[in-house]
Amino acid sequence: MNNDDDPNSVLRPDLPTLSAFVDDELPDAESAGVLARLANDPHAAAQVAAWRAQKSTLKALFSAPAHEDPSVVVHAPDPWW
């Protein structure tokens, strides 16, 4: 469906822009623009809040402790022969 005639579609940032916003990858001017748009788009604001919560949870679950270097331990089974 084409929403070119919908005036609200102009205010809605696209998903890659919202994702970059959540990851703090946008320049300050563009980030400020997204913040202004989110104030008028509760659906996009809710999406950003959900992504931020997800990012925080994943970071807490999978980040290495600060005092340890990330490492992988591989156990090779004894040969069967």
Protein backbone atom coordinates (compact mmCIF):
# COMPACT_ATOMS: atom_id res chain seq x y z
CA MET A 1 0.00 0.00 0.00
CA ASN A 2 1.32 3.42 -0.92
CA ASN A 3 1.08 6.06 1.80
CA ASP A 4 2.46 8.98 -0.20
CA ASP A 5 -0.73 10.98 0.40
CA ASP A 6 -0.75 10.36 4.16
CA PRO A 7 0.65 13.45 5.95
CA ASN A 8 1.53 11.37 9.02
CA SER A 9 3.85 9.13 7.00
CA VAL A 10 6.25 12.06 6.58
CA LEU A 11 6.60 12.34 10.36
CA ARG A 12 7.26 8.66 10.93
CA PRO A 13 10.96 7.79 10.87
CA ASP A 14 11.90 4.60 9.06
CA LEU A 15 13.01 1.47 10.94
CA PRO A 16 16.74 1.76 10.09
CA THR A 17 16.74 5.33 11.42
CA LEU A 18 14.98 4.25 14.64
CA SER A 19 17.44 1.39 15.05
CA ALA A 20 20.40 3.72 14.57
CA PHE A 21 18.82 6.10 17.09
CA VAL A 22 18.54 3.32 19.70
CA ASP A 23 22.18 2.39 19.09
CA ASP A 24 23.33 6.03 19.39
CA GLU A 25 24.67 5.97 15.83
CA LEU A 26 22.99 9.13 14.53
CA PRO A 27 24.57 12.57 14.33
CA ASP A 28 23.28 14.97 16.99
CA ALA A 29 21.11 16.95 14.55
CA GLU A 30 19.42 13.84 13.18
CA SER A 31 18.98 12.41 16.67
CA ALA A 32 17.24 15.62 17.75
CA GLY A 33 14.93 15.32 14.75
CA VAL A 34 14.03 11.75 15.67
CA LEU A 35 13.30 12.83 19.26
CA ALA A 36 10.93 15.50 17.96
CA ARG A 37 9.19 12.96 15.73
CA LEU A 38 8.88 10.45 18.56
CA ALA A 39 7.05 13.05 20.63
CA ASN A 40 4.28 12.98 17.99
CA ASP A 41 4.31 9.26 17.19
CA PRO A 42 3.40 7.04 20.17
CA HIS A 43 3.76 3.86 18.09
CA ALA A 44 7.36 4.68 17.12
CA ALA A 45 8.11 5.84 20.68
CA ALA A 46 6.85 2.52 22.04
CA GLN A 47 8.98 0.65 19.50
CA VAL A 48 12.08 2.60 20.56
CA ALA A 49 11.33 1.94 24.24
CA ALA A 50 10.95 -1.79 23.56
CA TRP A 51 14.21 -1.92 21.60
CA ARG A 52 16.04 -0.04 24.36
CA ALA A 53 14.71 -2.47 26.97
CA GLN A 54 15.72 -5.41 24.79
CA LYS A 55 19.19 -3.96 24.25
CA SER A 56 19.64 -3.42 27.98
CA THR A 57 18.52 -6.96 28.79
CA LEU A 58 20.78 -8.53 26.18
CA LYS A 59 23.71 -6.46 27.37
CA ALA A 60 23.12 -7.59 30.96
CA LEU A 61 22.79 -11.24 29.95
CA PHE A 62 25.70 -11.53 27.56
CA SER A 63 28.31 -8.99 28.56
CA ALA A 64 31.55 -10.26 30.02
CA PRO A 65 32.36 -9.24 33.58
CA ALA A 66 34.60 -6.18 33.67
CA HIS A 67 37.42 -7.99 35.50
CA GLU A 68 37.66 -10.90 33.05
CA ASP A 69 38.70 -11.13 29.45
CA PRO A 70 36.08 -12.72 27.25
CA SER A 71 37.18 -16.22 26.37
CA VAL A 72 35.87 -19.49 25.03
CA VAL A 73 36.64 -22.85 26.57
CA VAL A 74 36.56 -25.82 24.20
CA HIS A 75 36.68 -29.34 25.53
CA ALA A 76 37.85 -31.87 23.00
CA PRO A 77 36.48 -35.34 23.67
CA ASP A 78 38.91 -38.22 24.07
CA PRO A 79 39.37 -40.21 20.88
CA TRP A 80 37.16 -43.26 20.73
CA TRP A 81 39.94 -45.51 19.42
